[in-house]
Amino acid sequence: MITIYHNPRCSKSRQTLQLLEEQGIDPNIVLYLDTPLNKATLKDLLGKLNLSARQLLRKGEAAYKENDLKNADLDDDQLIDFMVKHPKLIERPIVVKGNKAVLGRPPEAVLGIL
């Protein structure tokens, strides 16, 4: 089963979903802005992505600036807490297959785990 953490308002997310569908894949679609992820799920995704919490942050979001998330003293747990509270901070889309995950930036990056 393949899961995409999807924001339909994001062009890269839409392109990634379309690419999956063109490959004949009917993924499980998680609209993470409507159903925010919990801390355990985010930690699991970070492990599968092999990324730090800071690497998964969208630095252009208002919540990033408003909460001074560029502060290097904030650890992964604190950053994850902010992502749980403000899901727009999570870079997207994330595609998961088994114990592997990849960011769909560019969308073609997901082909590596299919």
N, C-alpha and C. Protein backbone atom coordinates (compact mmCIF):
# COMPACT_ATOMS: atom_id res chain seq x y z
N MET A 1 0.84 -1.19 0.00
CA MET A 1 0.00 0.00 0.00
C MET A 1 0.88 1.25 0.00
N ILE A 2 0.50 2.20 -0.78
CA ILE A 2 1.21 3.47 -0.87
C ILE A 2 0.30 4.56 -0.32
N THR A 3 0.89 5.41 0.50
CA THR A 3 0.17 6.52 1.11
C THR A 3 0.81 7.83 0.67
N ILE A 4 -0.03 8.80 0.37
CA ILE A 4 0.46 10.15 0.08
C ILE A 4 -0.14 11.11 1.10
N TYR A 5 0.72 11.86 1.74
CA TYR A 5 0.29 12.95 2.63
C TYR A 5 0.16 14.15 1.72
N HIS A 6 -1.08 14.54 1.49
CA HIS A 6 -1.44 15.38 0.36
C HIS A 6 -2.11 16.68 0.78
N ASN A 7 -1.75 17.74 0.07
CA ASN A 7 -2.45 19.02 0.19
C ASN A 7 -2.92 19.37 -1.22
N PRO A 8 -4.22 19.24 -1.49
CA PRO A 8 -4.71 19.46 -2.85
C PRO A 8 -4.50 20.88 -3.36
N ARG A 9 -4.18 21.81 -2.49
CA ARG A 9 -3.93 23.19 -2.94
C ARG A 9 -2.49 23.41 -3.38
N CYS A 10 -1.65 22.41 -3.19
CA CYS A 10 -0.23 22.50 -3.55
C CYS A 10 0.00 21.86 -4.92
N SER A 11 0.61 22.60 -5.83
CA SER A 11 0.82 22.08 -7.19
C SER A 11 1.73 20.85 -7.19
N LYS A 12 2.78 20.84 -6.40
CA LYS A 12 3.68 19.67 -6.36
C LYS A 12 2.96 18.45 -5.81
N SER A 13 2.10 18.67 -4.85
CA SER A 13 1.33 17.56 -4.28
C SER A 13 0.36 17.01 -5.33
N ARG A 14 -0.32 17.89 -6.06
CA ARG A 14 -1.23 17.44 -7.12
C ARG A 14 -0.46 16.71 -8.21
N GLN A 15 0.71 17.23 -8.60
CA GLN A 15 1.51 16.58 -9.64
C GLN A 15 1.99 15.20 -9.19
N THR A 16 2.35 15.09 -7.92
CA THR A 16 2.82 13.80 -7.39
C THR A 16 1.68 12.80 -7.38
N LEU A 17 0.51 13.21 -6.95
CA LEU A 17 -0.66 12.32 -6.95
C LEU A 17 -0.97 11.88 -8.37
N GLN A 18 -0.93 12.79 -9.32
CA GLN A 18 -1.19 12.45 -10.72
C GLN A 18 -0.16 11.44 -11.23
N LEU A 19 1.10 11.64 -10.87
CA LEU A 19 2.16 10.72 -11.29
C LEU A 19 1.90 9.31 -10.74
N LEU A 20 1.50 9.24 -9.48
CA LEU A 20 1.18 7.93 -8.90
C LEU A 20 0.04 7.27 -9.65
N GLU A 21 -0.99 8.04 -9.93
CA GLU A 21 -2.15 7.50 -10.65
C GLU A 21 -1.77 7.06 -12.06
N GLU A 22 -0.88 7.81 -12.70
CA GLU A 22 -0.41 7.42 -14.04
C GLU A 22 0.38 6.12 -14.01
N GLN A 23 0.94 5.79 -12.86
CA GLN A 23 1.67 4.53 -12.68
C GLN A 23 0.72 3.38 -12.32
N GLY A 24 -0.58 3.67 -12.30
CA GLY A 24 -1.58 2.66 -11.98
C GLY A 24 -1.76 2.45 -10.49
N ILE A 25 -1.30 3.41 -9.70
CA ILE A 25 -1.38 3.30 -8.25
C ILE A 25 -2.57 4.11 -7.74
N ASP A 26 -3.35 3.48 -6.90
CA ASP A 26 -4.48 4.14 -6.23
C ASP A 26 -4.07 4.30 -4.76
N PRO A 27 -3.37 5.39 -4.44
CA PRO A 27 -2.81 5.52 -3.10
C PRO A 27 -3.86 5.85 -2.04
N ASN A 28 -3.51 5.54 -0.81
CA ASN A 28 -4.26 6.02 0.34
C ASN A 28 -3.91 7.50 0.47
N ILE A 29 -4.90 8.36 0.42
CA ILE A 29 -4.67 9.81 0.46
C ILE A 29 -4.98 10.33 1.85
N VAL A 30 -3.97 10.93 2.48
CA VAL A 30 -4.15 11.54 3.79
C VAL A 30 -4.12 13.05 3.62
N LEU A 31 -5.24 13.68 3.86
CA LEU A 31 -5.32 15.14 3.79
C LEU A 31 -4.90 15.68 5.15
N TYR A 32 -3.58 15.82 5.32
CA TYR A 32 -3.02 16.09 6.64
C TYR A 32 -3.39 17.47 7.20
N LEU A 33 -3.88 18.38 6.37
CA LEU A 33 -4.34 19.66 6.90
C LEU A 33 -5.72 19.51 7.54
N ASP A 34 -6.51 18.57 7.02
CA ASP A 34 -7.84 18.30 7.57
C ASP A 34 -7.77 17.37 8.78
N THR A 35 -6.83 16.44 8.74
CA THR A 35 -6.63 15.49 9.82
C THR A 35 -5.16 15.56 10.22
N PRO A 36 -4.82 16.50 11.09
CA PRO A 36 -3.41 16.70 11.45
C PRO A 36 -2.75 15.44 12.02
N LEU A 37 -1.48 15.31 11.72
CA LEU A 37 -0.70 14.17 12.19
C LEU A 37 -0.37 14.33 13.67
N ASN A 38 -0.25 13.22 14.36
CA ASN A 38 0.18 13.29 15.75
C ASN A 38 1.71 13.18 15.80
N LYS A 39 2.24 13.37 16.97
CA LYS A 39 3.70 13.39 17.15
C LYS A 39 4.34 12.06 16.76
N ALA A 40 3.72 10.95 17.15
CA ALA A 40 4.28 9.64 16.85
C ALA A 40 4.33 9.40 15.34
N THR A 41 3.28 9.78 14.63
CA THR A 41 3.26 9.61 13.17
C THR A 41 4.32 10.46 12.51
N LEU A 42 4.47 11.70 12.98
CA LEU A 42 5.49 12.57 12.41
C LEU A 42 6.89 12.02 12.65
N LYS A 43 7.15 11.52 13.84
CA LYS A 43 8.46 10.93 14.13
C LYS A 43 8.72 9.72 13.24
N ASP A 44 7.68 8.90 13.04
CA ASP A 44 7.80 7.74 12.16
C ASP A 44 8.12 8.17 10.73
N LEU A 45 7.41 9.20 10.24
CA LEU A 45 7.67 9.69 8.89
C LEU A 45 9.09 10.24 8.75
N LEU A 46 9.54 10.97 9.75
CA LEU A 46 10.90 11.50 9.71
C LEU A 46 11.93 10.38 9.62
N GLY A 47 11.70 9.31 10.38
CA GLY A 47 12.60 8.16 10.31
C GLY A 47 12.61 7.53 8.94
N LYS A 48 11.43 7.36 8.34
CA LYS A 48 11.34 6.77 7.00
C LYS A 48 11.95 7.69 5.95
N LEU A 49 11.83 8.99 6.15
CA LEU A 49 12.42 9.96 5.22
C LEU A 49 13.91 10.14 5.43
N ASN A 50 14.39 9.73 6.61
CA ASN A 50 15.77 9.96 7.01
C ASN A 50 16.10 11.45 7.02
N LEU A 51 15.17 12.22 7.59
CA LEU A 51 15.33 13.67 7.70
C LEU A 51 15.19 14.11 9.15
N SER A 52 15.77 15.24 9.45
CA SER A 52 15.54 15.85 10.75
C SER A 52 14.25 16.66 10.66
N ALA A 53 13.71 17.00 11.82
CA ALA A 53 12.49 17.81 11.83
C ALA A 53 12.73 19.14 11.11
N ARG A 54 13.88 19.73 11.32
CA ARG A 54 14.20 21.02 10.69
C ARG A 54 14.18 20.90 9.16
N GLN A 55 14.62 19.77 8.63
CA GLN A 55 14.66 19.57 7.18
C GLN A 55 13.26 19.43 6.58
N LEU A 56 12.27 19.09 7.42
CA LEU A 56 10.91 18.91 6.92
C LEU A 56 10.06 20.17 7.07
N LEU A 57 10.64 21.22 7.64
CA LEU A 57 9.90 22.47 7.85
C LEU A 57 9.81 23.29 6.57
N ARG A 58 8.64 23.86 6.35
CA ARG A 58 8.45 24.83 5.27
C ARG A 58 8.80 26.20 5.83
N LYS A 59 9.94 26.71 5.44
CA LYS A 59 10.46 27.94 6.01
C LYS A 59 9.76 29.20 5.53
N GLY A 60 8.96 29.10 4.49
CA GLY A 60 8.26 30.27 3.97
C GLY A 60 6.90 30.51 4.62
N GLU A 61 6.48 29.61 5.47
CA GLU A 61 5.16 29.74 6.11
C GLU A 61 5.18 30.80 7.21
N ALA A 62 4.05 31.47 7.37
CA ALA A 62 3.92 32.51 8.40
C ALA A 62 4.21 31.94 9.79
N ALA A 63 3.74 30.73 10.07
CA ALA A 63 3.95 30.12 11.39
C ALA A 63 5.43 29.91 11.68
N TYR A 64 6.23 29.71 10.64
CA TYR A 64 7.68 29.55 10.82
C TYR A 64 8.28 30.85 11.37
N LYS A 65 7.89 31.94 10.75
CA LYS A 65 8.42 33.25 11.16
C LYS A 65 7.84 33.69 12.50
N GLU A 66 6.53 33.51 12.65
CA GLU A 66 5.84 33.96 13.87
C GLU A 66 6.34 33.25 15.12
N ASN A 67 6.79 32.01 14.96
CA ASN A 67 7.25 31.22 16.11
C ASN A 67 8.77 31.14 16.19
N ASP A 68 9.46 31.95 15.37
CA ASP A 68 10.92 32.02 15.38
C ASP A 68 11.55 30.62 15.30
N LEU A 69 11.07 29.81 14.35
CA LEU A 69 11.55 28.44 14.23
C LEU A 69 12.94 28.34 13.63
N LYS A 70 13.49 29.46 13.18
CA LYS A 70 14.88 29.43 12.72
C LYS A 70 15.85 29.35 13.90
N ASN A 71 15.33 29.55 15.11
CA ASN A 71 16.11 29.49 16.33
C ASN A 71 16.80 28.13 16.44
N ALA A 72 18.12 28.11 16.37
CA ALA A 72 18.89 26.86 16.37
C ALA A 72 18.81 26.12 17.71
N ASP A 73 18.34 26.78 18.76
CA ASP A 73 18.22 26.13 20.07
C ASP A 73 17.01 25.19 20.14
N LEU A 74 16.11 25.26 19.18
CA LEU A 74 14.94 24.38 19.18
C LEU A 74 15.37 22.99 18.70
N ASP A 75 15.02 21.97 19.49
CA ASP A 75 15.39 20.61 19.10
C ASP A 75 14.26 19.97 18.27
N ASP A 76 14.51 18.75 17.80
CA ASP A 76 13.54 18.06 16.94
C ASP A 76 12.18 17.91 17.62
N ASP A 77 12.17 17.54 18.90
CA ASP A 77 10.89 17.38 19.59
C ASP A 77 10.09 18.67 19.60
N GLN A 78 10.75 19.78 19.85
CA GLN A 78 10.06 21.07 19.86
C GLN A 78 9.54 21.42 18.47
N LEU A 79 10.36 21.17 17.45
CA LEU A 79 9.92 21.47 16.08
C LEU A 79 8.76 20.57 15.67
N ILE A 80 8.80 19.30 16.07
CA ILE A 80 7.70 18.39 15.77
C ILE A 80 6.42 18.89 16.44
N ASP A 81 6.53 19.37 17.67
CA ASP A 81 5.35 19.92 18.36
C ASP A 81 4.73 21.06 17.56
N PHE A 82 5.57 21.91 16.98
CA PHE A 82 5.06 23.01 16.16
C PHE A 82 4.39 22.48 14.89
N MET A 83 4.96 21.43 14.28
CA MET A 83 4.36 20.86 13.08
C MET A 83 3.01 20.21 13.38
N VAL A 84 2.89 19.61 14.57
CA VAL A 84 1.61 19.02 14.97
C VAL A 84 0.57 20.13 15.13
N LYS A 85 0.98 21.22 15.74
CA LYS A 85 0.07 22.34 15.99
C LYS A 85 -0.24 23.13 14.71
N HIS A 86 0.75 23.23 13.82
CA HIS A 86 0.61 23.99 12.57
C HIS A 86 1.01 23.09 11.39
N PRO A 87 0.12 22.21 10.93
CA PRO A 87 0.48 21.25 9.88
C PRO A 87 0.94 21.89 8.56
N LYS A 88 0.62 23.16 8.35
CA LYS A 88 1.11 23.82 7.13
C LYS A 88 2.63 23.89 7.10
N LEU A 89 3.26 23.73 8.25
CA LEU A 89 4.72 23.77 8.35
C LEU A 89 5.39 22.54 7.74
N ILE A 90 4.61 21.48 7.50
CA ILE A 90 5.18 20.23 7.00
C ILE A 90 5.37 20.31 5.48
N GLU A 91 6.60 20.04 5.06
CA GLU A 91 6.90 20.01 3.62
C GLU A 91 6.07 18.90 2.99
N ARG A 92 5.65 19.10 1.76
CA ARG A 92 4.76 18.17 1.09
C ARG A 92 5.12 18.03 -0.38
N PRO A 93 4.60 16.99 -0.98
CA PRO A 93 3.90 15.85 -0.43
C PRO A 93 4.89 14.79 0.07
N ILE A 94 4.43 13.95 0.96
CA ILE A 94 5.23 12.82 1.43
C ILE A 94 4.54 11.56 0.93
N VAL A 95 5.32 10.69 0.30
CA VAL A 95 4.79 9.42 -0.19
C VAL A 95 5.50 8.30 0.57
N VAL A 96 4.69 7.37 1.08
CA VAL A 96 5.21 6.27 1.90
C VAL A 96 4.85 4.94 1.26
N LYS A 97 5.85 4.07 1.21
CA LYS A 97 5.64 2.68 0.80
C LYS A 97 6.43 1.81 1.78
N GLY A 98 5.71 1.07 2.59
CA GLY A 98 6.37 0.22 3.58
C GLY A 98 7.18 1.04 4.57
N ASN A 99 8.46 0.71 4.67
CA ASN A 99 9.31 1.42 5.62
C ASN A 99 10.14 2.52 4.96
N LYS A 100 9.74 2.91 3.76
CA LYS A 100 10.44 3.98 3.04
C LYS A 100 9.48 5.12 2.73
N ALA A 101 10.03 6.31 2.70
CA ALA A 101 9.23 7.48 2.35
C ALA A 101 10.13 8.45 1.59
N VAL A 102 9.48 9.30 0.81
CA VAL A 102 10.20 10.30 0.04
C VAL A 102 9.31 11.53 -0.13
N LEU A 103 9.97 12.68 -0.21
CA LEU A 103 9.26 13.92 -0.54
C LEU A 103 9.08 13.98 -2.05
N GLY A 104 7.91 14.38 -2.48
CA GLY A 104 7.63 14.50 -3.90
C GLY A 104 8.09 15.85 -4.44
N ARG A 105 9.32 16.18 -4.21
CA ARG A 105 9.93 17.43 -4.68
C ARG A 105 11.28 17.11 -5.29
N PRO A 106 11.33 16.92 -6.57
CA PRO A 106 10.27 17.01 -7.57
C PRO A 106 9.38 15.76 -7.51
N PRO A 107 8.23 15.82 -8.14
CA PRO A 107 7.31 14.68 -8.11
C PRO A 107 7.96 13.36 -8.53
N GLU A 108 8.87 13.42 -9.48
CA GLU A 108 9.52 12.20 -10.00
C GLU A 108 10.35 11.49 -8.93
N ALA A 109 10.65 12.18 -7.84
CA ALA A 109 11.43 11.55 -6.76
C ALA A 109 10.74 10.33 -6.19
N VAL A 110 9.40 10.28 -6.29
CA VAL A 110 8.66 9.16 -5.72
C VAL A 110 8.87 7.87 -6.52
N LEU A 111 9.28 7.99 -7.75
CA LEU A 111 9.49 6.79 -8.58
C LEU A 111 10.52 5.85 -7.97
N GLY A 112 11.44 6.40 -7.19
CA GLY A 112 12.50 5.60 -6.58
C GLY A 112 12.02 4.60 -5.54
N ILE A 113 10.83 4.79 -4.99
CA ILE A 113 10.35 3.85 -3.97
C ILE A 113 9.20 2.97 -4.47
N LEU A 114 8.81 3.15 -5.71
CA LEU A 114 7.66 2.37 -6.23
C LEU A 114 8.06 0.97 -6.62
